[in-house]
C-alpha atoms as a PDB file:
ATOM      1  CA  MET A   1      50.719  12.622   0.054  1.00  0.00           C
ATOM      2  CA  ILE A   2      50.300  11.215  -3.689  1.00  0.00           C
ATOM      3  CA  GLU A   3      53.137   8.397  -2.678  1.00  0.00           C
ATOM      4  CA  ASP A   4      50.903   8.050   0.649  1.00  0.00           C
ATOM      5  CA  LEU A   5      47.806   7.364  -1.599  1.00  0.00           C
ATOM      6  CA  LYS A   6      49.745   4.520  -4.203  1.00  0.00           C
ATOM      7  CA  SER A   7      50.795   3.012  -0.699  1.00  0.00           C
ATOM      8  CA  ASP A   8      47.449   2.613   0.523  1.00  0.00           C
ATOM      9  CA  LEU A   9      46.001   1.662  -2.886  1.00  0.00           C
ATOM     10  CA  SER A  10      48.853  -1.272  -3.106  1.00  0.00           C
ATOM     11  CA  LYS A  11      47.937  -2.895  -0.165  1.00  0.00           C
ATOM     12  CA  LEU A  12      44.468  -3.259  -1.990  1.00  0.00           C
ATOM     13  CA  VAL A  13      45.542  -4.660  -4.959  1.00  0.00           C
ATOM     14  CA  ASN A  14      43.601  -7.779  -5.954  1.00  0.00           C
ATOM     15  CA  LYS A  15      45.878  -9.934  -8.637  1.00  0.00           C
ATOM     16  CA  GLU A  16      43.026 -11.833 -10.169  1.00  0.00           C
ATOM     17  CA  LYS A  17      41.388  -8.058 -10.944  1.00  0.00           C
ATOM     18  CA  ALA A  18      44.396  -6.754 -12.480  1.00  0.00           C
ATOM     19  CA  LYS A  19      44.202  -9.943 -14.605  1.00  0.00           C
ATOM     20  CA  PHE A  20      41.060  -9.631 -15.880  1.00  0.00           C
ATOM     21  CA  PHE A  21      40.588  -5.410 -16.334  1.00  0.00           C
ATOM     22  CA  PRO A  22      43.046  -5.446 -19.081  1.00  0.00           C
ATOM     23  CA  ARG A  23      40.148  -7.783 -20.921  1.00  0.00           C
ATOM     24  CA  PHE A  24      37.252  -5.864 -19.553  1.00  0.00           C
ATOM     25  CA  PHE A  25      38.090  -2.217 -20.620  1.00  0.00           C
ATOM     26  CA  LYS A  26      38.962  -3.424 -23.684  1.00  0.00           C
ATOM     27  CA  THR A  27      42.967  -3.169 -23.781  1.00  0.00           C
ATOM     28  CA  GLY A  28      44.015  -5.028 -26.801  1.00  0.00           C
ATOM     29  CA  GLU A  29      45.780  -3.375 -29.641  1.00  0.00           C
ATOM     30  CA  GLY A  30      43.036  -0.943 -32.062  1.00  0.00           C
ATOM     31  CA  GLU A  31      40.553  -1.223 -29.082  1.00  0.00           C
ATOM     32  CA  TYR A  32      39.415   1.535 -27.495  1.00  0.00           C
ATOM     33  CA  GLY A  33      41.404   1.418 -24.331  1.00  0.00           C
ATOM     34  CA  GLU A  34      44.629   0.115 -25.869  1.00  0.00           C
ATOM     35  CA  GLY A  35      47.855   0.171 -23.655  1.00  0.00           C
ATOM     36  CA  ASP A  36      45.977   0.869 -20.629  1.00  0.00           C
ATOM     37  CA  LYS A  37      47.598  -0.414 -17.490  1.00  0.00           C
ATOM     38  CA  PHE A  38      45.859  -1.912 -14.240  1.00  0.00           C
ATOM     39  CA  ILE A  39      47.325  -2.551 -10.744  1.00  0.00           C
ATOM     40  CA  GLY A  40      43.678  -4.471  -9.706  1.00  0.00           C
ATOM     41  CA  VAL A  41      41.571  -2.440  -7.320  1.00  0.00           C
ATOM     42  CA  VAL A  42      37.712  -2.433  -7.206  1.00  0.00           C
ATOM     43  CA  VAL A  43      35.551   0.915  -7.443  1.00  0.00           C
ATOM     44  CA  PRO A  44      34.678   0.452  -3.539  1.00  0.00           C
ATOM     45  CA  ASN A  45      38.028   0.359  -2.600  1.00  0.00           C
ATOM     46  CA  LEU A  46      38.776   4.043  -4.664  1.00  0.00           C
ATOM     47  CA  ARG A  47      35.949   5.658  -3.325  1.00  0.00           C
ATOM     48  CA  LEU A  48      37.076   4.795   0.196  1.00  0.00           C
ATOM     49  CA  VAL A  49      40.895   5.804  -0.508  1.00  0.00           C
ATOM     50  CA  ALA A  50      39.497   8.999  -2.452  1.00  0.00           C
ATOM     51  CA  ARG A  51      37.835  10.486   0.649  1.00  0.00           C
ATOM     52  CA  LYS A  52      40.624  10.363   2.579  1.00  0.00           C
ATOM     53  CA  TYR A  53      42.827  12.106   0.174  1.00  0.00           C
ATOM     54  CA  VAL A  54      40.326  15.602  -0.797  1.00  0.00           C
ATOM     55  CA  LEU A  55      42.860  17.583   0.150  1.00  0.00           C
ATOM     56  CA  ILE A  56      45.483  16.844  -2.394  1.00  0.00           C
ATOM     57  CA  PRO A  57      45.744  20.242  -4.373  1.00  0.00           C
ATOM     58  CA  LEU A  58      45.291  20.153  -8.614  1.00  0.00           C
ATOM     59  CA  PRO A  59      49.237  19.916  -9.692  1.00  0.00           C
ATOM     60  CA  GLU A  60      49.138  16.927  -7.454  1.00  0.00           C
ATOM     61  CA  LEU A  61      46.070  15.383  -9.003  1.00  0.00           C
ATOM     62  CA  GLN A  62      47.215  16.157 -12.926  1.00  0.00           C
ATOM     63  CA  LYS A  63      50.642  13.946 -11.867  1.00  0.00           C
ATOM     64  CA  LEU A  64      47.770  11.011 -11.159  1.00  0.00           C
ATOM     65  CA  LEU A  65      45.648  12.059 -13.711  1.00  0.00           C
ATOM     66  CA  SER A  66      48.529  11.828 -16.149  1.00  0.00           C
ATOM     67  CA  ASP A  67      49.541   8.461 -15.031  1.00  0.00           C
ATOM     68  CA  LYS A  68      49.698   5.441 -17.031  1.00  0.00           C
ATOM     69  CA  ILE A  69      47.642   3.670 -14.358  1.00  0.00           C
ATOM     70  CA  HIS A  70      44.035   3.421 -14.976  1.00  0.00           C
ATOM     71  CA  GLU A  71      43.322   3.186 -11.395  1.00  0.00           C
ATOM     72  CA  TYR A  72      45.248   6.331 -10.420  1.00  0.00           C
ATOM     73  CA  ARG A  73      43.339   8.260 -13.222  1.00  0.00           C
ATOM     74  CA  ASN A  74      40.087   7.266 -11.538  1.00  0.00           C
ATOM     75  CA  ILE A  75      40.950   7.757  -8.453  1.00  0.00           C
ATOM     76  CA  SER A  76      42.174  10.825  -9.280  1.00  0.00           C
ATOM     77  CA  LEU A  77      38.836  11.683 -10.882  1.00  0.00           C
ATOM     78  CA  MET A  78      36.617  10.565  -7.695  1.00  0.00           C
ATOM     79  CA  ILE A  79      38.700  13.023  -5.617  1.00  0.00           C
ATOM     80  CA  LEU A  80      38.269  15.982  -7.953  1.00  0.00           C
ATOM     81  CA  VAL A  81      34.597  15.109  -7.814  1.00  0.00           C
ATOM     82  CA  ASN A  82      34.545  15.464  -3.886  1.00  0.00           C
ATOM     83  CA  LYS A  83      36.425  18.768  -4.141  1.00  0.00           C
ATOM     84  CA  TYR A  84      33.741  20.074  -6.726  1.00  0.00           C
ATOM     85  CA  LYS A  85      31.467  19.406  -4.204  1.00  0.00           C
ATOM     86  CA  LYS A  86      32.920  21.304  -1.661  1.00  0.00           C
ATOM     87  CA  ALA A  87      33.851  23.849  -3.313  1.00  0.00           C
ATOM     88  CA  ASP A  88      32.425  27.575  -4.063  1.00  0.00           C
ATOM     89  CA  ALA A  89      31.801  29.379  -6.899  1.00  0.00           C
ATOM     90  CA  ALA A  90      35.070  30.290  -8.204  1.00  0.00           C
ATOM     91  CA  GLU A  91      36.877  26.674  -7.325  1.00  0.00           C
ATOM     92  CA  LYS A  92      34.132  24.978  -9.269  1.00  0.00           C
ATOM     93  CA  LYS A  93      35.268  27.218 -12.515  1.00  0.00           C
ATOM     94  CA  ILE A  94      38.811  26.243 -11.155  1.00  0.00           C
ATOM     95  CA  ILE A  95      38.016  22.820 -11.330  1.00  0.00           C
ATOM     96  CA  VAL A  96      35.931  22.496 -14.569  1.00  0.00           C
ATOM     97  CA  ASP A  97      38.655  24.299 -16.352  1.00  0.00           C
ATOM     98  CA  PHE A  98      40.725  21.818 -14.968  1.00  0.00           C
ATOM     99  CA  TYR A  99      38.672  19.131 -15.684  1.00  0.00           C
ATOM    100  CA  LEU A 100      38.443  19.902 -19.698  1.00  0.00           C
ATOM    101  CA  LYS A 101      41.687  20.679 -20.237  1.00  0.00           C
ATOM    102  CA  ASN A 102      42.631  17.090 -19.148  1.00  0.00           C
ATOM    103  CA  PHE A 103      40.004  15.569 -21.203  1.00  0.00           C
ATOM    104  CA  LYS A 104      43.071  13.052 -23.134  1.00  0.00           C
ATOM    105  CA  ASN A 105      43.228  11.484 -20.144  1.00  0.00           C
ATOM    106  CA  ILE A 106      39.840  10.969 -19.159  1.00  0.00           C
ATOM    107  CA  ASN A 107      40.198   8.121 -21.863  1.00  0.00           C
ATOM    108  CA  ASN A 108      37.583   5.289 -20.614  1.00  0.00           C
ATOM    109  CA  TRP A 109      33.936   5.034 -20.071  1.00  0.00           C
ATOM    110  CA  ASP A 110      34.419   4.266 -16.300  1.00  0.00           C
ATOM    111  CA  LEU A 111      36.470   7.613 -16.162  1.00  0.00           C
ATOM    112  CA  VAL A 112      34.168   9.434 -18.115  1.00  0.00           C
ATOM    113  CA  ASP A 113      31.060   7.661 -16.189  1.00  0.00           C
ATOM    114  CA  THR A 114      32.485   8.838 -12.552  1.00  0.00           C
ATOM    115  CA  SER A 115      33.142  12.248 -12.840  1.00  0.00           C
ATOM    116  CA  ALA A 116      31.045  13.830 -16.046  1.00  0.00           C
ATOM    117  CA  PRO A 117      27.967  13.985 -14.215  1.00  0.00           C
ATOM    118  CA  GLY A 118      29.108  15.503 -11.345  1.00  0.00           C
ATOM    119  CA  ILE A 119      31.590  17.918 -12.777  1.00  0.00           C
ATOM    120  CA  THR A 120      30.403  19.452 -15.953  1.00  0.00           C
ATOM    121  CA  GLY A 121      26.716  17.764 -15.608  1.00  0.00           C
ATOM    122  CA  ASP A 122      26.782  20.086 -12.552  1.00  0.00           C
ATOM    123  CA  TYR A 123      28.317  23.375 -13.578  1.00  0.00           C
ATOM    124  CA  PHE A 124      26.903  23.782 -17.204  1.00  0.00           C
ATOM    125  CA  PHE A 125      23.299  23.103 -15.673  1.00  0.00           C
ATOM    126  CA  ASP A 126      22.403  26.568 -15.702  1.00  0.00           C
ATOM    127  CA  LYS A 127      25.318  27.891 -17.735  1.00  0.00           C
ATOM    128  CA  ASP A 128      25.890  27.995 -21.602  1.00  0.00           C
ATOM    129  CA  LYS A 129      26.124  24.576 -23.244  1.00  0.00           C
ATOM    130  CA  THR A 130      28.271  25.288 -26.344  1.00  0.00           C
ATOM    131  CA  ILE A 131      31.839  23.333 -25.563  1.00  0.00           C
ATOM    132  CA  LEU A 132      29.084  20.373 -24.644  1.00  0.00           C
ATOM    133  CA  TYR A 133      27.472  20.416 -28.007  1.00  0.00           C
ATOM    134  CA  ASP A 134      30.703  21.247 -29.455  1.00  0.00           C
ATOM    135  CA  PHE A 135      32.290  18.152 -27.733  1.00  0.00           C
ATOM    136  CA  ALA A 136      29.401  16.027 -28.951  1.00  0.00           C
ATOM    137  CA  LYS A 137      30.082  17.055 -32.747  1.00  0.00           C
ATOM    138  CA  SER A 138      34.097  16.151 -32.146  1.00  0.00           C
ATOM    139  CA  ASP A 139      35.453  13.139 -33.479  1.00  0.00           C
ATOM    140  CA  ASN A 140      36.830  12.166 -29.953  1.00  0.00           C
ATOM    141  CA  LEU A 141      34.797   9.345 -28.335  1.00  0.00           C
ATOM    142  CA  TRP A 142      35.759  10.467 -25.196  1.00  0.00           C
ATOM    143  CA  LYS A 143      34.643  13.881 -26.026  1.00  0.00           C
ATOM    144  CA  LYS A 144      31.653  12.714 -26.881  1.00  0.00           C
ATOM    145  CA  ARG A 145      30.864  10.189 -24.118  1.00  0.00           C
ATOM    146  CA  ILE A 146      31.781  13.423 -21.636  1.00  0.00           C
ATOM    147  CA  ALA A 147      29.381  15.060 -23.692  1.00  0.00           C
ATOM    148  CA  ILE A 148      26.025  12.958 -23.067  1.00  0.00           C
ATOM    149  CA  MET A 149      27.363  11.753 -19.974  1.00  0.00           C
ATOM    150  CA  SER A 150      27.378  15.261 -18.251  1.00  0.00           C
ATOM    151  CA  THR A 151      23.473  15.190 -19.602  1.00  0.00           C
ATOM    152  CA  PHE A 152      22.742  13.063 -16.685  1.00  0.00           C
ATOM    153  CA  GLY A 153      23.245  15.745 -14.610  1.00  0.00           C
ATOM    154  CA  PHE A 154      20.280  17.837 -15.974  1.00  0.00           C
ATOM    155  CA  ILE A 155      18.180  15.173 -15.958  1.00  0.00           C
ATOM    156  CA  ARG A 156      18.388  14.757 -12.351  1.00  0.00           C
ATOM    157  CA  HIS A 157      16.983  18.270 -12.166  1.00  0.00           C
ATOM    158  CA  LYS A 158      14.316  16.970 -14.803  1.00  0.00           C
ATOM    159  CA  SER A 159      15.804  18.986 -17.737  1.00  0.00           C
ATOM    160  CA  PHE A 160      15.603  17.468 -20.585  1.00  0.00           C
ATOM    161  CA  SER A 161      16.395  19.245 -23.990  1.00  0.00           C
ATOM    162  CA  ASP A 162      19.738  19.214 -23.556  1.00  0.00           C
ATOM    163  CA  ALA A 163      20.145  15.782 -23.361  1.00  0.00           C
ATOM    164  CA  LEU A 164      17.735  14.723 -26.271  1.00  0.00           C
ATOM    165  CA  ASN A 165      19.567  17.351 -28.252  1.00  0.00           C
ATOM    166  CA  ILE A 166      23.007  15.564 -28.003  1.00  0.00           C
ATOM    167  CA  SER A 167      21.309  12.065 -28.363  1.00  0.00           C
ATOM    168  CA  GLU A 168      20.113  13.428 -31.849  1.00  0.00           C
ATOM    169  CA  LEU A 169      23.624  14.713 -32.575  1.00  0.00           C
ATOM    170  CA  LEU A 170      25.292  11.153 -31.475  1.00  0.00           C
ATOM    171  CA  LEU A 171      21.998   9.160 -33.031  1.00  0.00           C
ATOM    172  CA  HIS A 172      23.939   8.069 -35.649  1.00  0.00           C
ATOM    173  CA  ASP A 173      27.404   7.130 -34.111  1.00  0.00           C
ATOM    174  CA  SER A 174      29.527   4.712 -35.254  1.00  0.00           C
ATOM    175  CA  HIS A 175      30.744   3.609 -31.505  1.00  0.00           C
ATOM    176  CA  ASP A 176      29.414   0.967 -29.401  1.00  0.00           C
ATOM    177  CA  LEU A 177      30.353   3.037 -26.129  1.00  0.00           C
ATOM    178  CA  ILE A 178      28.077   5.857 -27.488  1.00  0.00           C
ATOM    179  CA  HIS A 179      25.424   3.661 -28.332  1.00  0.00           C
ATOM    180  CA  LYS A 180      25.119   2.320 -24.636  1.00  0.00           C
ATOM    181  CA  ALA A 181      25.109   5.785 -23.095  1.00  0.00           C
ATOM    182  CA  VAL A 182      22.459   7.770 -25.489  1.00  0.00           C
ATOM    183  CA  GLY A 183      20.449   4.950 -24.540  1.00  0.00           C
ATOM    184  CA  TRP A 184      21.177   4.699 -20.835  1.00  0.00           C
ATOM    185  CA  MET A 185      20.287   8.590 -20.583  1.00  0.00           C
ATOM    186  CA  LEU A 186      17.224   7.810 -22.854  1.00  0.00           C
ATOM    187  CA  ARG A 187      16.143   5.568 -20.355  1.00  0.00           C
ATOM    188  CA  GLU A 188      16.825   8.257 -16.886  1.00  0.00           C
ATOM    189  CA  ILE A 189      14.858  10.430 -18.858  1.00  0.00           C
ATOM    190  CA  GLY A 190      12.011   7.586 -18.991  1.00  0.00           C
ATOM    191  CA  ASN A 191      12.601   6.977 -15.578  1.00  0.00           C
ATOM    192  CA  ARG A 192      11.370  10.866 -14.502  1.00  0.00           C
ATOM    193  CA  ASP A 193       9.276  11.168 -17.647  1.00  0.00           C
ATOM    194  CA  LYS A 194       8.023   8.382 -19.894  1.00  0.00           C
ATOM    195  CA  LYS A 195       6.047   9.777 -22.135  1.00  0.00           C
ATOM    196  CA  VAL A 196       9.444  12.700 -22.780  1.00  0.00           C
ATOM    197  CA  GLU A 197      11.249   9.270 -23.499  1.00  0.00           C
ATOM    198  CA  VAL A 198       8.359   7.879 -25.696  1.00  0.00           C
ATOM    199  CA  SER A 199       7.912  10.767 -27.879  1.00  0.00           C
ATOM    200  CA  PHE A 200      11.732  10.549 -28.972  1.00  0.00           C
ATOM    201  CA  LEU A 201      11.275   7.238 -29.542  1.00  0.00           C
ATOM    202  CA  ASN A 202       8.460   7.337 -31.536  1.00  0.00           C
ATOM    203  CA  LYS A 203      10.727   9.859 -33.823  1.00  0.00           C
ATOM    204  CA  HIS A 204      14.020   7.562 -33.490  1.00  0.00           C
ATOM    205  CA  TYR A 205      13.394   4.339 -32.966  1.00  0.00           C
ATOM    206  CA  LYS A 206      13.146   2.790 -36.384  1.00  0.00           C
ATOM    207  CA  THR A 207      16.457   4.347 -37.478  1.00  0.00           C
ATOM    208  CA  MET A 208      18.286   4.542 -33.866  1.00  0.00           C
ATOM    209  CA  PRO A 209      21.444   1.781 -33.327  1.00  0.00           C
ATOM    210  CA  ARG A 210      19.647  -1.119 -31.802  1.00  0.00           C
ATOM    211  CA  THR A 211      22.092  -1.053 -28.705  1.00  0.00           C
ATOM    212  CA  MET A 212      20.795   2.166 -27.944  1.00  0.00           C
ATOM    213  CA  LEU A 213      17.177   1.223 -28.591  1.00  0.00           C
ATOM    214  CA  ARG A 214      17.585  -1.508 -25.883  1.00  0.00           C
ATOM    215  CA  TYR A 215      18.976   0.310 -23.492  1.00  0.00           C
ATOM    216  CA  ALA A 216      16.600   2.798 -23.412  1.00  0.00           C
ATOM    217  CA  ILE A 217      13.663   0.271 -23.531  1.00  0.00           C
ATOM    218  CA  GLU A 218      15.190  -1.296 -20.534  1.00  0.00           C
ATOM    219  CA  LYS A 219      12.627  -1.067 -18.382  1.00  0.00           C
ATOM    220  CA  PHE A 220       9.515  -1.006 -20.670  1.00  0.00           C
ATOM    221  CA  PRO A 221       7.132  -3.686 -20.323  1.00  0.00           C
ATOM    222  CA  GLU A 222       7.669  -7.068 -22.367  1.00  0.00           C
ATOM    223  CA  ASN A 223       4.681  -5.601 -24.994  1.00  0.00           C
ATOM    224  CA  GLU A 224       6.496  -2.164 -25.447  1.00  0.00           C
ATOM    225  CA  ARG A 225      10.134  -3.688 -25.746  1.00  0.00           C
ATOM    226  CA  LYS A 226       8.920  -5.764 -28.579  1.00  0.00           C
ATOM    227  CA  HIS A 227       6.823  -3.264 -30.373  1.00  0.00           C
ATOM    228  CA  TYR A 228       9.585  -1.132 -30.505  1.00  0.00           C
ATOM    229  CA  LEU A 229      12.267  -3.830 -31.695  1.00  0.00           C
ATOM    230  CA  SER A 230       9.817  -5.258 -33.702  1.00  0.00           C
END
């Protein structure tokens, strides 16, 4: 089944994208995506193929998720999200355990953003969230991104406290990818309840990273943006 999937993807390769993606996803020496490999398949096409292979079993998905090719890891996570949506409670637990054990393979921002809101963000909504706080406190960039992006699942249910708490834990993180993710989640909170976001910003805007702040206030009126950025 995996060989059929790879064959389908090979028919969708865009050579220009294969050249562009390594620069876009920062694969150079010392960059966050160092050494990642691309074949050049765009996300809409990955999603189309993923729907065709939702029945791939987890042991086979493990092979895809462990592959050096970025698109193979990405489509494996898309399939995993699709599996999760159709799963019963017991199956969801198995999928979440599989996901968390594979965090080292979820090693770029798009891979996290594709999967964390719909898997850990859904699963832990009504459960103990200690593991997400542990991830947020870790030294691993992708664990931290998984932690904050998982809260998108909570935000969609208008539950903001964990997103705010984890944002505070990551407030002074040094990495731009965390600044962007936290700012994005704050903006999503504001889209649902601006007063909650404003309360957080009023407490932290003077010391939070500028990229984080700019993402958080992106949809504010110009006069409000100027106030926070001044």
